[in-house]
Protein backbone atom coordinates (compact mmCIF):
# COMPACT_ATOMS: atom_id res chain seq x y z
CA UNK A 1 0.00 0.00 0.00
CA UNK A 2 1.52 3.31 -1.08
CA UNK A 3 1.30 6.12 1.44
CA UNK A 4 -0.47 9.38 0.76
CA UNK A 5 1.45 12.64 1.00
CA UNK A 6 0.91 12.60 4.78
CA UNK A 7 3.36 9.70 5.18
CA UNK A 8 2.78 6.46 7.07
CA UNK A 9 0.21 7.68 9.57
CA UNK A 10 -1.66 5.70 12.23
CA UNK A 11 -4.76 5.94 9.99
CA UNK A 12 -2.88 4.41 7.06
CA UNK A 13 -1.67 1.58 9.29
CA UNK A 14 -5.26 0.90 10.34
CA UNK A 15 -6.35 0.86 6.70
CA UNK A 16 -3.57 -1.61 5.88
CA UNK A 17 -4.64 -3.91 8.73
CA UNK A 18 -8.27 -3.70 7.62
CA UNK A 19 -7.36 -4.52 4.02
CA UNK A 20 -5.20 -7.42 5.18
CA UNK A 21 -8.07 -8.93 7.17
CA UNK A 22 -10.68 -8.20 4.51
CA UNK A 23 -8.69 -9.83 1.70
CA UNK A 24 -6.80 -12.36 3.82
CA UNK A 25 -3.48 -11.15 2.47
CA UNK A 26 -0.22 -9.55 3.53
CA UNK A 27 -0.13 -5.77 3.23
CA UNK A 28 3.19 -3.96 3.28
CA UNK A 29 3.44 -0.18 3.61
CA UNK A 30 6.90 1.00 2.55
CA UNK A 31 7.88 4.21 4.34
CA UNK A 32 8.96 6.60 1.58
CA UNK A 33 9.57 9.48 4.02
CA UNK A 34 11.97 7.58 6.30
CA UNK A 35 9.82 7.78 9.42
CA UNK A 36 8.34 11.23 8.89
CA UNK A 37 4.59 11.81 8.77
CA UNK A 38 2.26 14.69 9.47
CA UNK A 39 -1.35 15.83 9.66
CA UNK A 40 -0.42 19.37 8.59
CA UNK A 41 -1.04 20.09 4.88
CA UNK A 42 1.85 22.54 4.57
CA UNK A 43 4.30 20.06 6.09
CA UNK A 44 2.91 17.25 3.91
CA UNK A 45 3.47 19.42 0.86
CA UNK A 46 7.05 20.02 2.01
CA UNK A 47 7.64 16.28 2.53
CA UNK A 48 6.33 15.47 -0.95
CA UNK A 49 8.33 18.27 -2.58
CA UNK A 50 11.49 16.94 -0.97
CA UNK A 51 10.85 13.26 -1.67
CA UNK A 52 13.89 11.44 -3.00
CA UNK A 53 12.08 10.03 -6.06
CA UNK A 54 14.89 7.72 -7.22
CA UNK A 55 15.17 6.38 -3.67
CA UNK A 56 11.40 5.92 -3.41
CA UNK A 57 11.30 3.98 -6.70
CA UNK A 58 14.21 1.83 -5.51
CA UNK A 59 12.42 1.12 -2.23
CA UNK A 60 9.25 0.09 -4.03
CA UNK A 61 11.22 -2.19 -6.35
CA UNK A 62 12.91 -3.76 -3.32
CA UNK A 63 9.51 -4.45 -1.75
CA UNK A 64 8.27 -6.04 -4.99
CA UNK A 65 11.39 -8.20 -5.24
CA UNK A 66 11.07 -9.25 -1.59
CA UNK A 67 7.44 -10.24 -2.05
CA UNK A 68 8.13 -12.20 -5.25
CA UNK A 69 10.77 -14.20 -3.36
CA UNK A 70 8.29 -15.31 -0.69
CA UNK A 71 7.11 -18.86 -1.28
CA UNK A 72 3.53 -18.12 -0.23
CA UNK A 73 3.27 -15.07 -2.49
CA UNK A 74 1.68 -15.83 -5.85
CA UNK A 75 0.28 -12.37 -6.65
CA UNK A 76 1.34 -8.82 -5.90
CA UNK A 77 -0.91 -5.77 -6.08
CA UNK A 78 -0.12 -2.12 -5.45
CA UNK A 79 -2.78 0.21 -4.12
CA UNK A 80 -2.66 3.96 -3.67
CA UNK A 81 -5.34 6.51 -2.99
CA UNK A 82 -7.35 6.10 -6.17
CA UNK A 83 -6.06 3.25 -8.35
CA UNK A 84 -5.13 -0.40 -8.02
CA UNK A 85 -2.52 -2.08 -10.20
CA UNK A 86 -1.48 -5.72 -10.14
CA UNK A 87 1.26 -7.65 -11.88
PDB file of N, CA and C in Angstrom:
ATOM      1  N   UNK A   1       0.860  -1.161   0.000  1.00  0.00           N
ATOM      2  CA  UNK A   1       0.000   0.000   0.000  1.00  0.00           C
ATOM      3  C   UNK A   1       0.909   1.226   0.000  1.00  0.00           C
ATOM      4  N   UNK A   2       0.698   2.106  -0.962  1.00  0.00           N
ATOM      5  CA  UNK A   2       1.516   3.311  -1.082  1.00  0.00           C
ATOM      6  C   UNK A   2       0.908   4.413  -0.214  1.00  0.00           C
ATOM      7  N   UNK A   3       1.746   5.048   0.545  1.00  0.00           N
ATOM      8  CA  UNK A   3       1.302   6.121   1.436  1.00  0.00           C
ATOM      9  C   UNK A   3       0.796   7.328   0.661  1.00  0.00           C
ATOM     10  N   UNK A   4      -0.076   8.091   1.296  1.00  0.00           N
ATOM     11  CA  UNK A   4      -0.473   9.382   0.757  1.00  0.00           C
ATOM     12  C   UNK A   4       0.599  10.397   1.118  1.00  0.00           C
ATOM     13  N   UNK A   5       0.410  11.649   0.751  1.00  0.00           N
ATOM     14  CA  UNK A   5       1.454  12.642   1.001  1.00  0.00           C
ATOM     15  C   UNK A   5       1.659  12.923   2.474  1.00  0.00           C
ATOM     16  N   UNK A   6       0.786  12.417   3.329  1.00  0.00           N
ATOM     17  CA  UNK A   6       0.912  12.601   4.775  1.00  0.00           C
ATOM     18  C   UNK A   6       2.006  11.712   5.366  1.00  0.00           C
ATOM     19  N   UNK A   7       2.395  10.668   4.660  1.00  0.00           N
ATOM     20  CA  UNK A   7       3.355   9.702   5.180  1.00  0.00           C
ATOM     21  C   UNK A   7       2.633   8.491   5.741  1.00  0.00           C
ATOM     22  N   UNK A   8       3.363   7.651   6.454  1.00  0.00           N
ATOM     23  CA  UNK A   8       2.778   6.462   7.067  1.00  0.00           C
ATOM     24  C   UNK A   8       2.194   6.881   8.417  1.00  0.00           C
ATOM     25  N   UNK A   9       0.918   7.187   8.390  1.00  0.00           N
ATOM     26  CA  UNK A   9       0.215   7.677   9.575  1.00  0.00           C
ATOM     27  C   UNK A   9      -0.471   6.523  10.305  1.00  0.00           C
ATOM     28  N   UNK A  10      -0.886   6.744  11.540  1.00  0.00           N
ATOM     29  CA  UNK A  10      -1.656   5.699  12.232  1.00  0.00           C
ATOM     30  C   UNK A  10      -2.914   5.293  11.445  1.00  0.00           C
ATOM     31  N   UNK A  11      -3.571   6.241  10.793  1.00  0.00           N
ATOM     32  CA  UNK A  11      -4.760   5.937   9.990  1.00  0.00           C
ATOM     33  C   UNK A  11      -4.416   5.010   8.835  1.00  0.00           C
ATOM     34  N   UNK A  12      -3.302   5.264   8.174  1.00  0.00           N
ATOM     35  CA  UNK A  12      -2.884   4.406   7.061  1.00  0.00           C
ATOM     36  C   UNK A  12      -2.575   2.995   7.557  1.00  0.00           C
ATOM     37  N   UNK A  13      -1.958   2.902   8.712  1.00  0.00           N
ATOM     38  CA  UNK A  13      -1.668   1.579   9.285  1.00  0.00           C
ATOM     39  C   UNK A  13      -2.959   0.823   9.581  1.00  0.00           C
ATOM     40  N   UNK A  14      -3.967   1.533  10.091  1.00  0.00           N
ATOM     41  CA  UNK A  14      -5.264   0.897  10.344  1.00  0.00           C
ATOM     42  C   UNK A  14      -5.911   0.433   9.040  1.00  0.00           C
ATOM     43  N   UNK A  15      -5.803   1.248   7.991  1.00  0.00           N
ATOM     44  CA  UNK A  15      -6.351   0.862   6.697  1.00  0.00           C
ATOM     45  C   UNK A  15      -5.643  -0.382   6.166  1.00  0.00           C
ATOM     46  N   UNK A  16      -4.331  -0.450   6.337  1.00  0.00           N
ATOM     47  CA  UNK A  16      -3.573  -1.610   5.879  1.00  0.00           C
ATOM     48  C   UNK A  16      -4.003  -2.868   6.635  1.00  0.00           C
ATOM     49  N   UNK A  17      -4.185  -2.753   7.939  1.00  0.00           N
ATOM     50  CA  UNK A  17      -4.642  -3.907   8.734  1.00  0.00           C
ATOM     51  C   UNK A  17      -6.034  -4.347   8.301  1.00  0.00           C
ATOM     52  N   UNK A  18      -6.909  -3.378   8.072  1.00  0.00           N
ATOM     53  CA  UNK A  18      -8.273  -3.698   7.622  1.00  0.00           C
ATOM     54  C   UNK A  18      -8.239  -4.412   6.273  1.00  0.00           C
ATOM     55  N   UNK A  19      -7.465  -3.900   5.341  1.00  0.00           N
ATOM     56  CA  UNK A  19      -7.361  -4.518   4.022  1.00  0.00           C
ATOM     57  C   UNK A  19      -6.791  -5.927   4.118  1.00  0.00           C
ATOM     58  N   UNK A  20      -5.807  -6.109   4.987  1.00  0.00           N
ATOM     59  CA  UNK A  20      -5.202  -7.417   5.177  1.00  0.00           C
ATOM     60  C   UNK A  20      -6.234  -8.438   5.665  1.00  0.00           C
ATOM     61  N   UNK A  21      -7.043  -8.035   6.641  1.00  0.00           N
ATOM     62  CA  UNK A  21      -8.071  -8.930   7.169  1.00  0.00           C
ATOM     63  C   UNK A  21      -9.181  -9.165   6.146  1.00  0.00           C
ATOM     64  N   UNK A  22      -9.595  -8.107   5.469  1.00  0.00           N
ATOM     65  CA  UNK A  22     -10.676  -8.198   4.506  1.00  0.00           C
ATOM     66  C   UNK A  22     -10.338  -9.139   3.355  1.00  0.00           C
ATOM     67  N   UNK A  23      -9.100  -9.040   2.853  1.00  0.00           N
ATOM     68  CA  UNK A  23      -8.693  -9.829   1.696  1.00  0.00           C
ATOM     69  C   UNK A  23      -7.871 -11.059   2.057  1.00  0.00           C
ATOM     70  N   UNK A  24      -7.621 -11.254   3.353  1.00  0.00           N
ATOM     71  CA  UNK A  24      -6.801 -12.364   3.820  1.00  0.00           C
ATOM     72  C   UNK A  24      -5.461 -12.389   3.076  1.00  0.00           C
ATOM     73  N   UNK A  25      -4.745 -11.270   3.167  1.00  0.00           N
ATOM     74  CA  UNK A  25      -3.477 -11.146   2.467  1.00  0.00           C
ATOM     75  C   UNK A  25      -2.485 -10.358   3.314  1.00  0.00           C
ATOM     76  N   UNK A  26      -1.258 -10.353   2.887  1.00  0.00           N
ATOM     77  CA  UNK A  26      -0.224  -9.552   3.535  1.00  0.00           C
ATOM     78  C   UNK A  26      -0.214  -8.178   2.899  1.00  0.00           C
ATOM     79  N   UNK A  27      -0.190  -7.144   3.723  1.00  0.00           N
ATOM     80  CA  UNK A  27      -0.127  -5.770   3.229  1.00  0.00           C
ATOM     81  C   UNK A  27       1.141  -5.132   3.788  1.00  0.00           C
ATOM     82  N   UNK A  28       1.987  -4.676   2.883  1.00  0.00           N
ATOM     83  CA  UNK A  28       3.193  -3.958   3.282  1.00  0.00           C
ATOM     84  C   UNK A  28       3.010  -2.488   2.940  1.00  0.00           C
ATOM     85  N   UNK A  29       3.502  -1.623   3.828  1.00  0.00           N
ATOM     86  CA  UNK A  29       3.439  -0.181   3.607  1.00  0.00           C
ATOM     87  C   UNK A  29       4.864   0.359   3.677  1.00  0.00           C
ATOM     88  N   UNK A  30       5.536   0.467   2.532  1.00  0.00           N
ATOM     89  CA  UNK A  30       6.900   1.000   2.554  1.00  0.00           C
ATOM     90  C   UNK A  30       6.889   2.474   2.958  1.00  0.00           C
ATOM     91  N   UNK A  31       7.800   2.844   3.829  1.00  0.00           N
ATOM     92  CA  UNK A  31       7.883   4.214   4.335  1.00  0.00           C
ATOM     93  C   UNK A  31       8.791   5.031   3.422  1.00  0.00           C
ATOM     94  N   UNK A  32       8.189   5.828   2.552  1.00  0.00           N
ATOM     95  CA  UNK A  32       8.957   6.598   1.581  1.00  0.00           C
ATOM     96  C   UNK A  32       9.525   7.895   2.162  1.00  0.00           C
ATOM     97  N   UNK A  33       9.073   8.266   3.365  1.00  0.00           N
ATOM     98  CA  UNK A  33       9.568   9.482   4.023  1.00  0.00           C
ATOM     99  C   UNK A  33      10.537   9.180   5.161  1.00  0.00           C
ATOM    100  N   UNK A  34      10.993   7.959   5.273  1.00  0.00           N
ATOM    101  CA  UNK A  34      11.969   7.580   6.303  1.00  0.00           C
ATOM    102  C   UNK A  34      11.533   7.960   7.716  1.00  0.00           C
ATOM    103  N   UNK A  35      10.312   7.588   8.057  1.00  0.00           N
ATOM    104  CA  UNK A  35       9.825   7.776   9.421  1.00  0.00           C
ATOM    105  C   UNK A  35       9.099   9.075   9.677  1.00  0.00           C
ATOM    106  N   UNK A  36       9.033   9.950   8.696  1.00  0.00           N
ATOM    107  CA  UNK A  36       8.340  11.227   8.891  1.00  0.00           C
ATOM    108  C   UNK A  36       6.893  11.103   8.424  1.00  0.00           C
ATOM    109  N   UNK A  37       5.990  11.712   9.169  1.00  0.00           N
ATOM    110  CA  UNK A  37       4.592  11.811   8.770  1.00  0.00           C
ATOM    111  C   UNK A  37       4.015  13.056   9.423  1.00  0.00           C
ATOM    112  N   UNK A  38       2.855  13.464   8.959  1.00  0.00           N
ATOM    113  CA  UNK A  38       2.260  14.689   9.473  1.00  0.00           C
ATOM    114  C   UNK A  38       0.760  14.686   9.240  1.00  0.00           C
ATOM    115  N   UNK A  39       0.062  15.573   9.924  1.00  0.00           N
ATOM    116  CA  UNK A  39      -1.352  15.830   9.660  1.00  0.00           C
ATOM    117  C   UNK A  39      -1.528  17.265   9.166  1.00  0.00           C
ATOM    118  N   UNK A  40      -0.427  17.984   9.028  1.00  0.00           N
ATOM    119  CA  UNK A  40      -0.425  19.368   8.586  1.00  0.00           C
ATOM    120  C   UNK A  40      -0.201  19.428   7.071  1.00  0.00           C
ATOM    121  N   UNK A  41      -1.126  20.064   6.345  1.00  0.00           N
ATOM    122  CA  UNK A  41      -1.045  20.094   4.880  1.00  0.00           C
ATOM    123  C   UNK A  41       0.222  20.779   4.378  1.00  0.00           C
ATOM    124  N   UNK A  42       0.635  21.845   5.014  1.00  0.00           N
ATOM    125  CA  UNK A  42       1.847  22.540   4.570  1.00  0.00           C
ATOM    126  C   UNK A  42       3.079  21.656   4.744  1.00  0.00           C
ATOM    127  N   UNK A  43       3.164  20.964   5.860  1.00  0.00           N
ATOM    128  CA  UNK A  43       4.299  20.064   6.089  1.00  0.00           C
ATOM    129  C   UNK A  43       4.244  18.869   5.125  1.00  0.00           C
ATOM    130  N   UNK A  44       3.045  18.362   4.868  1.00  0.00           N
ATOM    131  CA  UNK A  44       2.905  17.249   3.914  1.00  0.00           C
ATOM    132  C   UNK A  44       3.369  17.677   2.530  1.00  0.00           C
ATOM    133  N   UNK A  45       3.019  18.886   2.143  1.00  0.00           N
ATOM    134  CA  UNK A  45       3.469  19.424   0.857  1.00  0.00           C
ATOM    135  C   UNK A  45       4.997  19.501   0.822  1.00  0.00           C
ATOM    136  N   UNK A  46       5.582  19.938   1.913  1.00  0.00           N
ATOM    137  CA  UNK A  46       7.046  20.019   2.012  1.00  0.00           C
ATOM    138  C   UNK A  46       7.675  18.624   1.905  1.00  0.00           C
ATOM    139  N   UNK A  47       7.101  17.645   2.591  1.00  0.00           N
ATOM    140  CA  UNK A  47       7.636  16.282   2.526  1.00  0.00           C
ATOM    141  C   UNK A  47       7.582  15.744   1.100  1.00  0.00           C
ATOM    142  N   UNK A  48       6.465  15.968   0.424  1.00  0.00           N
ATOM    143  CA  UNK A  48       6.329  15.471  -0.949  1.00  0.00           C
ATOM    144  C   UNK A  48       7.283  16.195  -1.895  1.00  0.00           C
ATOM    145  N   UNK A  49       7.407  17.513  -1.723  1.00  0.00           N
ATOM    146  CA  UNK A  49       8.329  18.275  -2.583  1.00  0.00           C
ATOM    147  C   UNK A  49       9.770  17.823  -2.427  1.00  0.00           C
ATOM    148  N   UNK A  50      10.117  17.336  -1.245  1.00  0.00           N
ATOM    149  CA  UNK A  50      11.492  16.938  -0.970  1.00  0.00           C
ATOM    150  C   UNK A  50      11.702  15.430  -1.027  1.00  0.00           C
ATOM    151  N   UNK A  51      10.718  14.716  -1.563  1.00  0.00           N
ATOM    152  CA  UNK A  51      10.846  13.262  -1.667  1.00  0.00           C
ATOM    153  C   UNK A  51      12.002  12.899  -2.596  1.00  0.00           C
ATOM    154  N   UNK A  52      12.808  11.982  -2.167  1.00  0.00           N
ATOM    155  CA  UNK A  52      13.889  11.439  -2.998  1.00  0.00           C
ATOM    156  C   UNK A  52      13.247  10.424  -3.944  1.00  0.00           C
ATOM    157  N   UNK A  53      12.822  10.883  -5.123  1.00  0.00           N
ATOM    158  CA  UNK A  53      12.085  10.029  -6.055  1.00  0.00           C
ATOM    159  C   UNK A  53      12.872   8.798  -6.485  1.00  0.00           C
ATOM    160  N   UNK A  54      14.145   8.942  -6.864  1.00  0.00           N
ATOM    161  CA  UNK A  54      14.890   7.718  -7.221  1.00  0.00           C
ATOM    162  C   UNK A  54      14.954   6.732  -6.046  1.00  0.00           C
ATOM    163  N   UNK A  55      15.137   7.251  -4.841  1.00  0.00           N
ATOM    164  CA  UNK A  55      15.173   6.382  -3.665  1.00  0.00           C
ATOM    165  C   UNK A  55      13.828   5.724  -3.402  1.00  0.00           C
ATOM    166  N   UNK A  56      12.745   6.473  -3.618  1.00  0.00           N
ATOM    167  CA  UNK A  56      11.403   5.921  -3.414  1.00  0.00           C
ATOM    168  C   UNK A  56      11.121   4.803  -4.417  1.00  0.00           C
ATOM    169  N   UNK A  57      11.493   5.018  -5.670  1.00  0.00           N
ATOM    170  CA  UNK A  57      11.302   3.985  -6.696  1.00  0.00           C
ATOM    171  C   UNK A  57      12.126   2.751  -6.344  1.00  0.00           C
ATOM    172  N   UNK A  58      13.361   2.955  -5.916  1.00  0.00           N
ATOM    173  CA  UNK A  58      14.211   1.828  -5.506  1.00  0.00           C
ATOM    174  C   UNK A  58      13.574   1.057  -4.361  1.00  0.00           C
ATOM    175  N   UNK A  59      13.039   1.777  -3.378  1.00  0.00           N
ATOM    176  CA  UNK A  59      12.418   1.118  -2.225  1.00  0.00           C
ATOM    177  C   UNK A  59      11.220   0.297  -2.663  1.00  0.00           C
ATOM    178  N   UNK A  60      10.411   0.833  -3.546  1.00  0.00           N
ATOM    179  CA  UNK A  60       9.246   0.088  -4.032  1.00  0.00           C
ATOM    180  C   UNK A  60       9.665  -1.147  -4.822  1.00  0.00           C
ATOM    181  N   UNK A  61      10.710  -1.025  -5.613  1.00  0.00           N
ATOM    182  CA  UNK A  61      11.219  -2.187  -6.349  1.00  0.00           C
ATOM    183  C   UNK A  61      11.751  -3.242  -5.389  1.00  0.00           C
ATOM    184  N   UNK A  62      12.404  -2.811  -4.325  1.00  0.00           N
ATOM    185  CA  UNK A  62      12.906  -3.756  -3.322  1.00  0.00           C
ATOM    186  C   UNK A  62      11.761  -4.506  -2.655  1.00  0.00           C
ATOM    187  N   UNK A  63      10.675  -3.805  -2.362  1.00  0.00           N
ATOM    188  CA  UNK A  63       9.513  -4.449  -1.754  1.00  0.00           C
ATOM    189  C   UNK A  63       8.916  -5.474  -2.716  1.00  0.00           C
ATOM    190  N   UNK A  64       8.783  -5.104  -3.998  1.00  0.00           N
ATOM    191  CA  UNK A  64       8.268  -6.041  -4.988  1.00  0.00           C
ATOM    192  C   UNK A  64       9.141  -7.268  -5.119  1.00  0.00           C
ATOM    193  N   UNK A  65      10.450  -7.069  -5.155  1.00  0.00           N
ATOM    194  CA  UNK A  65      11.391  -8.197  -5.244  1.00  0.00           C
ATOM    195  C   UNK A  65      11.272  -9.090  -4.018  1.00  0.00           C
ATOM    196  N   UNK A  66      11.209  -8.481  -2.837  1.00  0.00           N
ATOM    197  CA  UNK A  66      11.070  -9.245  -1.592  1.00  0.00           C
ATOM    198  C   UNK A  66       9.805 -10.101  -1.636  1.00  0.00           C
ATOM    199  N   UNK A  67       8.692  -9.496  -2.029  1.00  0.00           N
ATOM    200  CA  UNK A  67       7.438 -10.240  -2.050  1.00  0.00           C
ATOM    201  C   UNK A  67       7.475 -11.384  -3.058  1.00  0.00           C
ATOM    202  N   UNK A  68       8.044 -11.145  -4.224  1.00  0.00           N
ATOM    203  CA  UNK A  68       8.134 -12.198  -5.248  1.00  0.00           C
ATOM    204  C   UNK A  68       8.958 -13.388  -4.760  1.00  0.00           C
ATOM    205  N   UNK A  69       9.906 -13.136  -3.878  1.00  0.00           N
ATOM    206  CA  UNK A  69      10.770 -14.203  -3.364  1.00  0.00           C
ATOM    207  C   UNK A  69      10.105 -15.027  -2.269  1.00  0.00           C
ATOM    208  N   UNK A  70       8.964 -14.586  -1.753  1.00  0.00           N
ATOM    209  CA  UNK A  70       8.288 -15.311  -0.694  1.00  0.00           C
ATOM    210  C   UNK A  70       7.507 -16.481  -1.294  1.00  0.00           C
ATOM    211  N   UNK A  71       7.717 -17.646  -0.746  1.00  0.00           N
ATOM    212  CA  UNK A  71       7.110 -18.855  -1.280  1.00  0.00           C
ATOM    213  C   UNK A  71       5.583 -18.780  -1.318  1.00  0.00           C
ATOM    214  N   UNK A  72       4.988 -18.183  -0.311  1.00  0.00           N
ATOM    215  CA  UNK A  72       3.529 -18.124  -0.229  1.00  0.00           C
ATOM    216  C   UNK A  72       2.929 -17.002  -1.070  1.00  0.00           C
ATOM    217  N   UNK A  73       3.749 -16.227  -1.722  1.00  0.00           N
ATOM    218  CA  UNK A  73       3.266 -15.070  -2.487  1.00  0.00           C
ATOM    219  C   UNK A  73       3.134 -15.429  -3.964  1.00  0.00           C
ATOM    220  N   UNK A  74       1.898 -15.514  -4.437  1.00  0.00           N
ATOM    221  CA  UNK A  74       1.684 -15.835  -5.846  1.00  0.00           C
ATOM    222  C   UNK A  74       1.223 -14.621  -6.653  1.00  0.00           C
ATOM    223  N   UNK A  75       0.740 -13.593  -5.977  1.00  0.00           N
ATOM    224  CA  UNK A  75       0.284 -12.371  -6.646  1.00  0.00           C
ATOM    225  C   UNK A  75       0.723 -11.163  -5.835  1.00  0.00           C
ATOM    226  N   UNK A  76       0.979 -10.074  -6.547  1.00  0.00           N
ATOM    227  CA  UNK A  76       1.336  -8.815  -5.901  1.00  0.00           C
ATOM    228  C   UNK A  76       0.441  -7.738  -6.487  1.00  0.00           C
ATOM    229  N   UNK A  77      -0.113  -6.906  -5.634  1.00  0.00           N
ATOM    230  CA  UNK A  77      -0.909  -5.767  -6.080  1.00  0.00           C
ATOM    231  C   UNK A  77      -0.391  -4.530  -5.375  1.00  0.00           C
ATOM    232  N   UNK A  78      -0.524  -3.403  -6.033  1.00  0.00           N
ATOM    233  CA  UNK A  78      -0.125  -2.119  -5.453  1.00  0.00           C
ATOM    234  C   UNK A  78      -1.358  -1.239  -5.416  1.00  0.00           C
ATOM    235  N   UNK A  79      -1.628  -0.653  -4.261  1.00  0.00           N
ATOM    236  CA  UNK A  79      -2.784   0.206  -4.125  1.00  0.00           C
ATOM    237  C   UNK A  79      -2.331   1.565  -3.594  1.00  0.00           C
ATOM    238  N   UNK A  80      -2.917   2.592  -4.133  1.00  0.00           N
ATOM    239  CA  UNK A  80      -2.664   3.959  -3.670  1.00  0.00           C
ATOM    240  C   UNK A  80      -3.987   4.561  -3.256  1.00  0.00           C
ATOM    241  N   UNK A  81      -4.120   5.848  -3.436  1.00  0.00           N
ATOM    242  CA  UNK A  81      -5.343   6.511  -2.989  1.00  0.00           C
ATOM    243  C   UNK A  81      -6.508   6.345  -3.947  1.00  0.00           C
ATOM    244  N   UNK A  82      -6.226   6.141  -5.244  1.00  0.00           N
ATOM    245  CA  UNK A  82      -7.349   6.099  -6.166  1.00  0.00           C
ATOM    246  C   UNK A  82      -7.282   4.992  -7.213  1.00  0.00           C
ATOM    247  N   UNK A  83      -6.174   4.278  -7.320  1.00  0.00           N
ATOM    248  CA  UNK A  83      -6.058   3.255  -8.355  1.00  0.00           C
ATOM    249  C   UNK A  83      -5.408   1.998  -7.792  1.00  0.00           C
ATOM    250  N   UNK A  84      -5.736   0.871  -8.395  1.00  0.00           N
ATOM    251  CA  UNK A  84      -5.131  -0.399  -8.019  1.00  0.00           C
ATOM    252  C   UNK A  84      -4.479  -0.989  -9.261  1.00  0.00           C
ATOM    253  N   UNK A  85      -3.238  -1.432  -9.115  1.00  0.00           N
ATOM    254  CA  UNK A  85      -2.523  -2.085 -10.201  1.00  0.00           C
ATOM    255  C   UNK A  85      -2.042  -3.431  -9.699  1.00  0.00           C
ATOM    256  N   UNK A  86      -2.046  -4.431 -10.534  1.00  0.00           N
ATOM    257  CA  UNK A  86      -1.477  -5.720 -10.144  1.00  0.00           C
ATOM    258  C   UNK A  86      -0.597  -6.233 -11.270  1.00  0.00           C
ATOM    259  N   UNK A  87       0.389  -7.037 -10.883  1.00  0.00           N
ATOM    260  CA  UNK A  87       1.257  -7.653 -11.880  1.00  0.00           C
ATOM    261  C   UNK A  87       1.739  -8.987 -11.393  1.00  0.00           C
TER     262      UNK A  87
END
